[in-house]
């Protein structure tokens, strides 16, 4: 009974995380409208997260000191990937940005096969083909070459690829626990956003009232999305099958698309929705259990 209760709680946490991240674009764009254009909004959010998690990092400093550099870099790289994903919402349509990110299982399979030498079951190969086909349909909906358009779509695509490298490194090298991992994750994201911010937009000039308002929103966003939900998600994923986690997180696509249509008047064409559905189908196939050959 206790195990069932824990599984139900973990599933609810993952589902809530997907729903919340479907609304994440709202505070990012709100900060942009307040004056933190480009990557400056993401820099503020992630810097606030680093500030909030610093006491926990100090508490776990011995574990961080014992952790292999490769593991720390892998976690920080995941933060960098999320930073690109976050910045992408400023420059691209919400649903397309999210769908491009959800191609990451395809990249993970390719990395596992060609860089790590892991076996690739046939179902995974089908998922790769479907994922790439969905990408081509989605990005070529207007009859042009099926390539990302604009900085936002490129950032989401590159972020998804970096996330795949990060998760591969975490899977093979990391033993770090959730709280210090969240700090390193946020540190990698903040560093990336601060490097990109002046390249994309000039440093904004703000009034004291704007600074106070933006600081409050950045702390709320960083604490809720980058702090609480990620730590809770790390706790939940240890107690659920990977397939269930991945499928529950796909609520982010639905919530993001619907919220963008309602609050930003962003809608997808029929061809784009078809391509997006193929991408999601590829994601489902990627996490389905596969048979492993029995040893001779």
C-alpha atoms as a PDB file:
ATOM      1  CA  UNK A   1       0.000   0.000   0.000  1.00  0.00           C
ATOM      2  CA  UNK A   2       2.830   2.392   0.863  1.00  0.00           C
ATOM      3  CA  UNK A   3       4.528   1.630  -2.461  1.00  0.00           C
ATOM      4  CA  UNK A   4       1.301   2.303  -4.380  1.00  0.00           C
ATOM      5  CA  UNK A   5       0.836   5.590  -2.527  1.00  0.00           C
ATOM      6  CA  UNK A   6       4.404   6.637  -3.316  1.00  0.00           C
ATOM      7  CA  UNK A   7       3.953   5.726  -6.987  1.00  0.00           C
ATOM      8  CA  UNK A   8       0.726   7.724  -7.157  1.00  0.00           C
ATOM      9  CA  UNK A   9       2.412  10.727  -5.502  1.00  0.00           C
ATOM     10  CA  UNK A  10       5.379  10.527  -7.861  1.00  0.00           C
ATOM     11  CA  UNK A  11       3.058  10.330 -10.891  1.00  0.00           C
ATOM     12  CA  UNK A  12       1.126  13.369  -9.661  1.00  0.00           C
ATOM     13  CA  UNK A  13       4.385  15.302  -9.247  1.00  0.00           C
ATOM     14  CA  UNK A  14       5.507  14.485 -12.795  1.00  0.00           C
ATOM     15  CA  UNK A  15       2.098  15.392 -14.214  1.00  0.00           C
ATOM     16  CA  UNK A  16       2.062  18.708 -12.307  1.00  0.00           C
ATOM     17  CA  UNK A  17       5.599  19.428 -13.510  1.00  0.00           C
ATOM     18  CA  UNK A  18       4.535  18.993 -17.137  1.00  0.00           C
ATOM     19  CA  UNK A  19       1.537  21.269 -16.624  1.00  0.00           C
ATOM     20  CA  UNK A  20       3.598  23.968 -14.895  1.00  0.00           C
ATOM     21  CA  UNK A  21       6.320  23.938 -17.554  1.00  0.00           C
ATOM     22  CA  UNK A  22       3.585  24.364 -20.146  1.00  0.00           C
ATOM     23  CA  UNK A  23       3.016  27.815 -18.601  1.00  0.00           C
ATOM     24  CA  UNK A  24       6.714  28.638 -18.169  1.00  0.00           C
ATOM     25  CA  UNK A  25       6.798  30.856 -21.253  1.00  0.00           C
ATOM     26  CA  UNK A  26       4.479  33.370 -19.537  1.00  0.00           C
ATOM     27  CA  UNK A  27       6.940  34.728 -16.911  1.00  0.00           C
ATOM     28  CA  UNK A  28       9.789  34.583 -19.444  1.00  0.00           C
ATOM     29  CA  UNK A  29       7.922  36.811 -21.875  1.00  0.00           C
ATOM     30  CA  UNK A  30       6.584  38.969 -19.035  1.00  0.00           C
ATOM     31  CA  UNK A  31      10.139  39.793 -17.989  1.00  0.00           C
ATOM     32  CA  UNK A  32      10.915  40.613 -21.610  1.00  0.00           C
ATOM     33  CA  UNK A  33       7.986  43.016 -21.795  1.00  0.00           C
ATOM     34  CA  UNK A  34       9.121  44.635 -18.542  1.00  0.00           C
ATOM     35  CA  UNK A  35      12.518  45.404 -20.074  1.00  0.00           C
ATOM     36  CA  UNK A  36      14.652  42.258 -19.782  1.00  0.00           C
ATOM     37  CA  UNK A  37      14.723  41.452 -23.480  1.00  0.00           C
ATOM     38  CA  UNK A  38      16.404  38.465 -25.097  1.00  0.00           C
ATOM     39  CA  UNK A  39      18.354  36.298 -22.684  1.00  0.00           C
ATOM     40  CA  UNK A  40      18.352  38.852 -19.856  1.00  0.00           C
ATOM     41  CA  UNK A  41      15.067  37.481 -18.488  1.00  0.00           C
ATOM     42  CA  UNK A  42      16.384  33.922 -18.383  1.00  0.00           C
ATOM     43  CA  UNK A  43      19.613  35.224 -16.824  1.00  0.00           C
ATOM     44  CA  UNK A  44      17.586  36.897 -14.053  1.00  0.00           C
ATOM     45  CA  UNK A  45      15.498  33.763 -13.424  1.00  0.00           C
ATOM     46  CA  UNK A  46      18.450  31.385 -13.292  1.00  0.00           C
ATOM     47  CA  UNK A  47      20.590  33.765 -11.228  1.00  0.00           C
ATOM     48  CA  UNK A  48      17.717  33.974  -8.736  1.00  0.00           C
ATOM     49  CA  UNK A  49      17.610  30.163  -8.669  1.00  0.00           C
ATOM     50  CA  UNK A  50      21.349  29.988  -7.956  1.00  0.00           C
ATOM     51  CA  UNK A  51      20.852  32.457  -5.106  1.00  0.00           C
ATOM     52  CA  UNK A  52      17.975  30.443  -3.630  1.00  0.00           C
ATOM     53  CA  UNK A  53      19.837  27.121  -3.876  1.00  0.00           C
ATOM     54  CA  UNK A  54      23.202  28.413  -2.618  1.00  0.00           C
ATOM     55  CA  UNK A  55      22.541  27.494   1.042  1.00  0.00           C
ATOM     56  CA  UNK A  56      21.805  23.915  -0.049  1.00  0.00           C
ATOM     57  CA  UNK A  57      24.992  23.821  -2.109  1.00  0.00           C
ATOM     58  CA  UNK A  58      27.000  24.929   0.922  1.00  0.00           C
ATOM     59  CA  UNK A  59      25.355  22.233   2.987  1.00  0.00           C
ATOM     60  CA  UNK A  60      26.282  19.582   0.389  1.00  0.00           C
ATOM     61  CA  UNK A  61      29.712  21.016  -0.472  1.00  0.00           C
ATOM     62  CA  UNK A  62      31.516  17.808   0.513  1.00  0.00           C
ATOM     63  CA  UNK A  63      29.419  15.754  -1.885  1.00  0.00           C
ATOM     64  CA  UNK A  64      30.086  18.290  -4.646  1.00  0.00           C
ATOM     65  CA  UNK A  65      33.813  18.145  -3.927  1.00  0.00           C
ATOM     66  CA  UNK A  66      33.780  14.333  -4.230  1.00  0.00           C
ATOM     67  CA  UNK A  67      31.793  14.287  -7.472  1.00  0.00           C
ATOM     68  CA  UNK A  68      33.663  13.569 -10.683  1.00  0.00           C
ATOM     69  CA  UNK A  69      34.217  16.656 -12.905  1.00  0.00           C
ATOM     70  CA  UNK A  70      32.593  14.836 -15.831  1.00  0.00           C
ATOM     71  CA  UNK A  71      29.426  14.369 -13.794  1.00  0.00           C
ATOM     72  CA  UNK A  72      29.347  18.030 -12.748  1.00  0.00           C
ATOM     73  CA  UNK A  73      29.897  19.132 -16.339  1.00  0.00           C
ATOM     74  CA  UNK A  74      27.093  16.850 -17.523  1.00  0.00           C
ATOM     75  CA  UNK A  75      24.650  18.341 -15.022  1.00  0.00           C
ATOM     76  CA  UNK A  76      25.764  21.905 -15.839  1.00  0.00           C
ATOM     77  CA  UNK A  77      25.373  21.134 -19.547  1.00  0.00           C
ATOM     78  CA  UNK A  78      21.773  20.190 -18.848  1.00  0.00           C
ATOM     79  CA  UNK A  79      21.283  23.613 -17.289  1.00  0.00           C
ATOM     80  CA  UNK A  80      22.829  25.233 -20.372  1.00  0.00           C
ATOM     81  CA  UNK A  81      20.393  23.285 -22.548  1.00  0.00           C
ATOM     82  CA  UNK A  82      17.422  24.453 -20.471  1.00  0.00           C
ATOM     83  CA  UNK A  83      18.689  28.033 -20.701  1.00  0.00           C
ATOM     84  CA  UNK A  84      18.601  27.837 -24.509  1.00  0.00           C
ATOM     85  CA  UNK A  85      15.099  26.366 -24.290  1.00  0.00           C
ATOM     86  CA  UNK A  86      14.028  29.222 -22.022  1.00  0.00           C
ATOM     87  CA  UNK A  87      15.516  31.932 -24.249  1.00  0.00           C
ATOM     88  CA  UNK A  88      13.853  30.348 -27.261  1.00  0.00           C
ATOM     89  CA  UNK A  89      10.405  31.374 -25.968  1.00  0.00           C
ATOM     90  CA  UNK A  90      11.341  35.024 -26.475  1.00  0.00           C
ATOM     91  CA  UNK A  91      12.148  34.563 -30.147  1.00  0.00           C
ATOM     92  CA  UNK A  92       9.845  31.755 -31.320  1.00  0.00           C
ATOM     93  CA  UNK A  93       6.326  30.363 -31.133  1.00  0.00           C
ATOM     94  CA  UNK A  94       5.664  28.470 -27.922  1.00  0.00           C
ATOM     95  CA  UNK A  95       4.325  25.205 -29.383  1.00  0.00           C
ATOM     96  CA  UNK A  96       7.131  24.910 -31.962  1.00  0.00           C
ATOM     97  CA  UNK A  97       9.788  25.599 -29.319  1.00  0.00           C
ATOM     98  CA  UNK A  98       8.376  22.872 -27.059  1.00  0.00           C
ATOM     99  CA  UNK A  99       8.001  20.337 -29.886  1.00  0.00           C
ATOM    100  CA  UNK A 100      11.572  20.907 -31.075  1.00  0.00           C
ATOM    101  CA  UNK A 101      12.728  20.245 -27.516  1.00  0.00           C
ATOM    102  CA  UNK A 102      10.767  16.996 -27.402  1.00  0.00           C
ATOM    103  CA  UNK A 103      12.928  15.634 -30.199  1.00  0.00           C
ATOM    104  CA  UNK A 104      15.650  15.047 -27.588  1.00  0.00           C
ATOM    105  CA  UNK A 105      14.887  11.275 -27.286  1.00  0.00           C
ATOM    106  CA  UNK A 106      15.843  10.920 -30.957  1.00  0.00           C
ATOM    107  CA  UNK A 107      19.199  12.619 -30.372  1.00  0.00           C
ATOM    108  CA  UNK A 108      19.752  10.534 -27.224  1.00  0.00           C
ATOM    109  CA  UNK A 109      19.292   7.314 -29.178  1.00  0.00           C
ATOM    110  CA  UNK A 110      21.718   8.457 -31.883  1.00  0.00           C
ATOM    111  CA  UNK A 111      24.306   9.453 -29.252  1.00  0.00           C
ATOM    112  CA  UNK A 112      23.898   6.133 -27.478  1.00  0.00           C
ATOM    113  CA  UNK A 113      24.343   4.183 -30.707  1.00  0.00           C
ATOM    114  CA  UNK A 114      27.192   6.030 -32.419  1.00  0.00           C
ATOM    115  CA  UNK A 115      29.154   7.528 -29.514  1.00  0.00           C
ATOM    116  CA  UNK A 116      28.524   5.076 -26.688  1.00  0.00           C
ATOM    117  CA  UNK A 117      28.182   1.889 -28.750  1.00  0.00           C
ATOM    118  CA  UNK A 118      24.902   0.922 -27.111  1.00  0.00           C
ATOM    119  CA  UNK A 119      22.633  -1.475 -29.048  1.00  0.00           C
ATOM    120  CA  UNK A 120      19.652   0.111 -30.805  1.00  0.00           C
ATOM    121  CA  UNK A 121      16.459  -1.996 -30.920  1.00  0.00           C
ATOM    122  CA  UNK A 122      14.316  -1.826 -34.049  1.00  0.00           C
ATOM    123  CA  UNK A 123      11.601   0.114 -32.253  1.00  0.00           C
ATOM    124  CA  UNK A 124      14.133   2.841 -31.456  1.00  0.00           C
ATOM    125  CA  UNK A 125      15.096   3.029 -35.137  1.00  0.00           C
ATOM    126  CA  UNK A 126      11.416   3.472 -36.039  1.00  0.00           C
ATOM    127  CA  UNK A 127      11.201   6.246 -33.423  1.00  0.00           C
ATOM    128  CA  UNK A 128      14.207   8.028 -34.964  1.00  0.00           C
ATOM    129  CA  UNK A 129      12.717   7.865 -38.465  1.00  0.00           C
ATOM    130  CA  UNK A 130       9.343   9.124 -37.222  1.00  0.00           C
ATOM    131  CA  UNK A 131      10.942  11.894 -35.185  1.00  0.00           C
ATOM    132  CA  UNK A 132      12.970  13.196 -38.109  1.00  0.00           C
ATOM    133  CA  UNK A 133       9.968  12.865 -40.430  1.00  0.00           C
ATOM    134  CA  UNK A 134       7.811  14.822 -37.981  1.00  0.00           C
ATOM    135  CA  UNK A 135      10.512  17.488 -37.780  1.00  0.00           C
ATOM    136  CA  UNK A 136      10.599  17.785 -41.568  1.00  0.00           C
ATOM    137  CA  UNK A 137       6.795  18.041 -41.831  1.00  0.00           C
ATOM    138  CA  UNK A 138       6.548  20.571 -39.007  1.00  0.00           C
ATOM    139  CA  UNK A 139       9.325  22.877 -40.196  1.00  0.00           C
ATOM    140  CA  UNK A 140       8.461  22.542 -43.883  1.00  0.00           C
ATOM    141  CA  UNK A 141       4.774  23.339 -43.419  1.00  0.00           C
ATOM    142  CA  UNK A 142       4.943  26.475 -45.591  1.00  0.00           C
ATOM    143  CA  UNK A 143       6.661  24.716 -48.468  1.00  0.00           C
ATOM    144  CA  UNK A 144      10.182  25.908 -47.636  1.00  0.00           C
ATOM    145  CA  UNK A 145      13.212  23.884 -46.574  1.00  0.00           C
ATOM    146  CA  UNK A 146      12.476  22.038 -43.296  1.00  0.00           C
ATOM    147  CA  UNK A 147      14.941  24.035 -41.201  1.00  0.00           C
ATOM    148  CA  UNK A 148      14.417  26.014 -37.990  1.00  0.00           C
ATOM    149  CA  UNK A 149      13.475  29.641 -38.586  1.00  0.00           C
ATOM    150  CA  UNK A 150      14.734  32.348 -36.308  1.00  0.00           C
ATOM    151  CA  UNK A 151      16.925  32.292 -33.233  1.00  0.00           C
ATOM    152  CA  UNK A 152      14.266  30.773 -30.984  1.00  0.00           C
ATOM    153  CA  UNK A 153      13.769  27.598 -32.996  1.00  0.00           C
ATOM    154  CA  UNK A 154      17.509  27.103 -33.448  1.00  0.00           C
ATOM    155  CA  UNK A 155      18.060  27.529 -29.702  1.00  0.00           C
ATOM    156  CA  UNK A 156      15.417  24.956 -28.843  1.00  0.00           C
ATOM    157  CA  UNK A 157      16.803  22.458 -31.357  1.00  0.00           C
ATOM    158  CA  UNK A 158      20.405  22.933 -30.160  1.00  0.00           C
ATOM    159  CA  UNK A 159      19.225  22.871 -26.542  1.00  0.00           C
ATOM    160  CA  UNK A 160      17.530  19.513 -27.101  1.00  0.00           C
ATOM    161  CA  UNK A 161      20.731  18.089 -28.567  1.00  0.00           C
ATOM    162  CA  UNK A 162      22.783  19.405 -25.631  1.00  0.00           C
ATOM    163  CA  UNK A 163      20.205  17.947 -23.249  1.00  0.00           C
ATOM    164  CA  UNK A 164      20.725  14.543 -24.856  1.00  0.00           C
ATOM    165  CA  UNK A 165      24.475  14.773 -24.320  1.00  0.00           C
ATOM    166  CA  UNK A 166      23.825  15.887 -20.738  1.00  0.00           C
ATOM    167  CA  UNK A 167      21.475  13.028 -19.883  1.00  0.00           C
ATOM    168  CA  UNK A 168      23.896  10.527 -21.408  1.00  0.00           C
ATOM    169  CA  UNK A 169      26.687  11.864 -19.193  1.00  0.00           C
ATOM    170  CA  UNK A 170      24.457  11.916 -16.128  1.00  0.00           C
ATOM    171  CA  UNK A 171      23.331   8.352 -16.794  1.00  0.00           C
ATOM    172  CA  UNK A 172      26.878   7.015 -17.085  1.00  0.00           C
ATOM    173  CA  UNK A 173      28.848   9.191 -14.646  1.00  0.00           C
ATOM    174  CA  UNK A 174      26.697  10.997 -12.101  1.00  0.00           C
ATOM    175  CA  UNK A 175      25.837   9.852  -8.584  1.00  0.00           C
ATOM    176  CA  UNK A 176      25.020  13.331  -7.284  1.00  0.00           C
ATOM    177  CA  UNK A 177      21.764  13.711  -5.333  1.00  0.00           C
ATOM    178  CA  UNK A 178      18.837  15.951  -6.275  1.00  0.00           C
ATOM    179  CA  UNK A 179      19.486  19.124  -4.239  1.00  0.00           C
ATOM    180  CA  UNK A 180      23.149  19.755  -5.130  1.00  0.00           C
ATOM    181  CA  UNK A 181      22.408  18.627  -8.697  1.00  0.00           C
ATOM    182  CA  UNK A 182      19.726  21.312  -8.958  1.00  0.00           C
ATOM    183  CA  UNK A 183      22.273  23.943  -7.876  1.00  0.00           C
ATOM    184  CA  UNK A 184      24.842  22.859 -10.492  1.00  0.00           C
ATOM    185  CA  UNK A 185      22.051  22.686 -13.066  1.00  0.00           C
ATOM    186  CA  UNK A 186      20.981  26.265 -12.293  1.00  0.00           C
ATOM    187  CA  UNK A 187      24.609  27.429 -12.261  1.00  0.00           C
ATOM    188  CA  UNK A 188      25.143  26.036 -15.762  1.00  0.00           C
ATOM    189  CA  UNK A 189      21.961  27.724 -16.951  1.00  0.00           C
ATOM    190  CA  UNK A 190      22.816  31.101 -15.395  1.00  0.00           C
ATOM    191  CA  UNK A 191      26.336  31.051 -16.845  1.00  0.00           C
ATOM    192  CA  UNK A 192      24.989  30.289 -20.327  1.00  0.00           C
ATOM    193  CA  UNK A 193      22.293  32.968 -20.163  1.00  0.00           C
ATOM    194  CA  UNK A 194      24.743  35.609 -18.907  1.00  0.00           C
ATOM    195  CA  UNK A 195      27.171  34.826 -21.733  1.00  0.00           C
ATOM    196  CA  UNK A 196      24.450  34.984 -24.405  1.00  0.00           C
ATOM    197  CA  UNK A 197      22.530  37.973 -23.024  1.00  0.00           C
ATOM    198  CA  UNK A 198      24.851  40.801 -24.198  1.00  0.00           C
ATOM    199  CA  UNK A 199      25.285  39.068 -27.568  1.00  0.00           C
ATOM    200  CA  UNK A 200      21.538  39.085 -28.238  1.00  0.00           C
ATOM    201  CA  UNK A 201      20.355  42.360 -26.701  1.00  0.00           C
ATOM    202  CA  UNK A 202      22.044  45.402 -25.112  1.00  0.00           C
ATOM    203  CA  UNK A 203      22.122  45.733 -21.346  1.00  0.00           C
ATOM    204  CA  UNK A 204      18.776  47.287 -20.387  1.00  0.00           C
ATOM    205  CA  UNK A 205      18.475  50.522 -18.427  1.00  0.00           C
ATOM    206  CA  UNK A 206      15.947  50.020 -15.640  1.00  0.00           C
ATOM    207  CA  UNK A 207      14.322  52.142 -12.961  1.00  0.00           C
ATOM    208  CA  UNK A 208      14.415  51.131  -9.326  1.00  0.00           C
ATOM    209  CA  UNK A 209      10.697  50.230  -9.457  1.00  0.00           C
ATOM    210  CA  UNK A 210      11.299  47.967 -12.455  1.00  0.00           C
ATOM    211  CA  UNK A 211      14.222  46.280 -10.708  1.00  0.00           C
ATOM    212  CA  UNK A 212      12.129  45.517  -7.625  1.00  0.00           C
ATOM    213  CA  UNK A 213       9.226  44.135  -9.699  1.00  0.00           C
ATOM    214  CA  UNK A 214      11.487  42.058 -11.932  1.00  0.00           C
ATOM    215  CA  UNK A 215      13.442  40.697  -8.982  1.00  0.00           C
ATOM    216  CA  UNK A 216      10.238  39.483  -7.370  1.00  0.00           C
ATOM    217  CA  UNK A 217       9.064  37.787 -10.556  1.00  0.00           C
ATOM    218  CA  UNK A 218      12.514  36.263 -11.187  1.00  0.00           C
ATOM    219  CA  UNK A 219      12.669  34.856  -7.654  1.00  0.00           C
ATOM    220  CA  UNK A 220       9.156  33.425  -7.944  1.00  0.00           C
ATOM    221  CA  UNK A 221       9.859  31.876 -11.350  1.00  0.00           C
ATOM    222  CA  UNK A 222      13.266  30.543 -10.361  1.00  0.00           C
ATOM    223  CA  UNK A 223      12.020  29.169  -7.063  1.00  0.00           C
ATOM    224  CA  UNK A 224       8.937  27.481  -8.537  1.00  0.00           C
ATOM    225  CA  UNK A 225      10.041  26.240 -11.953  1.00  0.00           C
ATOM    226  CA  UNK A 226      13.819  25.864 -11.673  1.00  0.00           C
ATOM    227  CA  UNK A 227      13.946  25.040  -7.973  1.00  0.00           C
ATOM    228  CA  UNK A 228      10.893  23.269  -6.574  1.00  0.00           C
ATOM    229  CA  UNK A 229       9.636  21.455  -9.684  1.00  0.00           C
ATOM    230  CA  UNK A 230      13.066  20.209 -10.805  1.00  0.00           C
ATOM    231  CA  UNK A 231      13.999  18.908  -7.361  1.00  0.00           C
ATOM    232  CA  UNK A 232      10.578  17.253  -7.052  1.00  0.00           C
ATOM    233  CA  UNK A 233      10.936  15.799 -10.546  1.00  0.00           C
ATOM    234  CA  UNK A 234      14.327  14.305  -9.674  1.00  0.00           C
ATOM    235  CA  UNK A 235      12.741  12.696  -6.598  1.00  0.00           C
ATOM    236  CA  UNK A 236       9.814  11.345  -8.621  1.00  0.00           C
ATOM    237  CA  UNK A 237      11.844   9.928 -11.512  1.00  0.00           C
ATOM    238  CA  UNK A 238      13.732   7.651  -9.124  1.00  0.00           C
ATOM    239  CA  UNK A 239      10.417   6.025  -8.205  1.00  0.00           C
ATOM    240  CA  UNK A 240       8.768   5.624 -11.609  1.00  0.00           C
ATOM    241  CA  UNK A 241       9.434   3.812 -14.844  1.00  0.00           C
ATOM    242  CA  UNK A 242      11.115   6.085 -17.409  1.00  0.00           C
ATOM    243  CA  UNK A 243       8.280   5.470 -19.881  1.00  0.00           C
ATOM    244  CA  UNK A 244       5.668   6.766 -17.449  1.00  0.00           C
ATOM    245  CA  UNK A 245       7.765   9.853 -16.664  1.00  0.00           C
ATOM    246  CA  UNK A 246       8.240  10.710 -20.331  1.00  0.00           C
ATOM    247  CA  UNK A 247       4.596  10.252 -21.243  1.00  0.00           C
ATOM    248  CA  UNK A 248       3.329  12.269 -18.265  1.00  0.00           C
ATOM    249  CA  UNK A 249       5.733  15.101 -19.115  1.00  0.00           C
ATOM    250  CA  UNK A 250       4.176  15.342 -22.580  1.00  0.00           C
ATOM    251  CA  UNK A 251       1.342  17.304 -20.950  1.00  0.00           C
ATOM    252  CA  UNK A 252       3.753  20.236 -21.332  1.00  0.00           C
ATOM    253  CA  UNK A 253       3.164  20.203 -25.103  1.00  0.00           C
ATOM    254  CA  UNK A 254      -0.630  20.318 -24.773  1.00  0.00           C
ATOM    255  CA  UNK A 255      -0.658  22.960 -22.030  1.00  0.00           C
ATOM    256  CA  UNK A 256       1.935  25.077 -23.833  1.00  0.00           C
ATOM    257  CA  UNK A 257       0.062  24.977 -27.148  1.00  0.00           C
ATOM    258  CA  UNK A 258      -3.326  25.738 -25.571  1.00  0.00           C
ATOM    259  CA  UNK A 259      -2.011  28.505 -23.305  1.00  0.00           C
ATOM    260  CA  UNK A 260      -0.154  30.126 -26.225  1.00  0.00           C
ATOM    261  CA  UNK A 261      -3.321  30.042 -28.325  1.00  0.00           C
ATOM    262  CA  UNK A 262      -5.353  31.609 -25.498  1.00  0.00           C
ATOM    263  CA  UNK A 263      -2.917  34.226 -24.195  1.00  0.00           C
ATOM    264  CA  UNK A 264      -0.620  34.973 -27.159  1.00  0.00           C
ATOM    265  CA  UNK A 265      -2.902  34.208 -30.117  1.00  0.00           C
ATOM    266  CA  UNK A 266      -0.380  31.652 -31.419  1.00  0.00           C
ATOM    267  CA  UNK A 267      -1.898  28.761 -33.344  1.00  0.00           C
ATOM    268  CA  UNK A 268      -0.431  25.971 -35.438  1.00  0.00           C
ATOM    269  CA  UNK A 269      -1.481  25.119 -38.974  1.00  0.00           C
ATOM    270  CA  UNK A 270      -2.886  21.696 -39.766  1.00  0.00           C
ATOM    271  CA  UNK A 271       0.410  20.581 -41.311  1.00  0.00           C
ATOM    272  CA  UNK A 272       2.369  21.810 -38.274  1.00  0.00           C
ATOM    273  CA  UNK A 273       0.023  19.943 -35.928  1.00  0.00           C
ATOM    274  CA  UNK A 274       0.473  16.806 -38.009  1.00  0.00           C
ATOM    275  CA  UNK A 275       4.258  17.097 -37.779  1.00  0.00           C
ATOM    276  CA  UNK A 276       4.026  17.755 -34.056  1.00  0.00           C
ATOM    277  CA  UNK A 277       1.834  14.683 -33.566  1.00  0.00           C
ATOM    278  CA  UNK A 278       4.427  12.572 -35.392  1.00  0.00           C
ATOM    279  CA  UNK A 279       7.159  13.966 -33.128  1.00  0.00           C
ATOM    280  CA  UNK A 280       5.131  13.045 -30.036  1.00  0.00           C
ATOM    281  CA  UNK A 281       4.453   9.585 -31.441  1.00  0.00           C
ATOM    282  CA  UNK A 282       8.200   9.136 -31.897  1.00  0.00           C
ATOM    283  CA  UNK A 283       8.655  10.136 -28.257  1.00  0.00           C
ATOM    284  CA  UNK A 284       6.120   7.539 -27.130  1.00  0.00           C
ATOM    285  CA  UNK A 285       7.811   4.807 -29.176  1.00  0.00           C
ATOM    286  CA  UNK A 286      11.174   5.845 -27.749  1.00  0.00           C
ATOM    287  CA  UNK A 287      10.089   5.104 -24.178  1.00  0.00           C
ATOM    288  CA  UNK A 288       8.138   1.891 -24.821  1.00  0.00           C
ATOM    289  CA  UNK A 289       9.769  -1.186 -23.312  1.00  0.00           C
ATOM    290  CA  UNK A 290      11.683  -3.308 -25.787  1.00  0.00           C
ATOM    291  CA  UNK A 291      12.787  -6.907 -25.652  1.00  0.00           C
ATOM    292  CA  UNK A 292      16.461  -7.493 -25.117  1.00  0.00           C
ATOM    293  CA  UNK A 293      18.025 -10.555 -26.703  1.00  0.00           C
ATOM    294  CA  UNK A 294      18.590 -13.393 -24.293  1.00  0.00           C
ATOM    295  CA  UNK A 295      22.144 -14.443 -23.661  1.00  0.00           C
ATOM    296  CA  UNK A 296      23.248 -17.520 -25.544  1.00  0.00           C
END
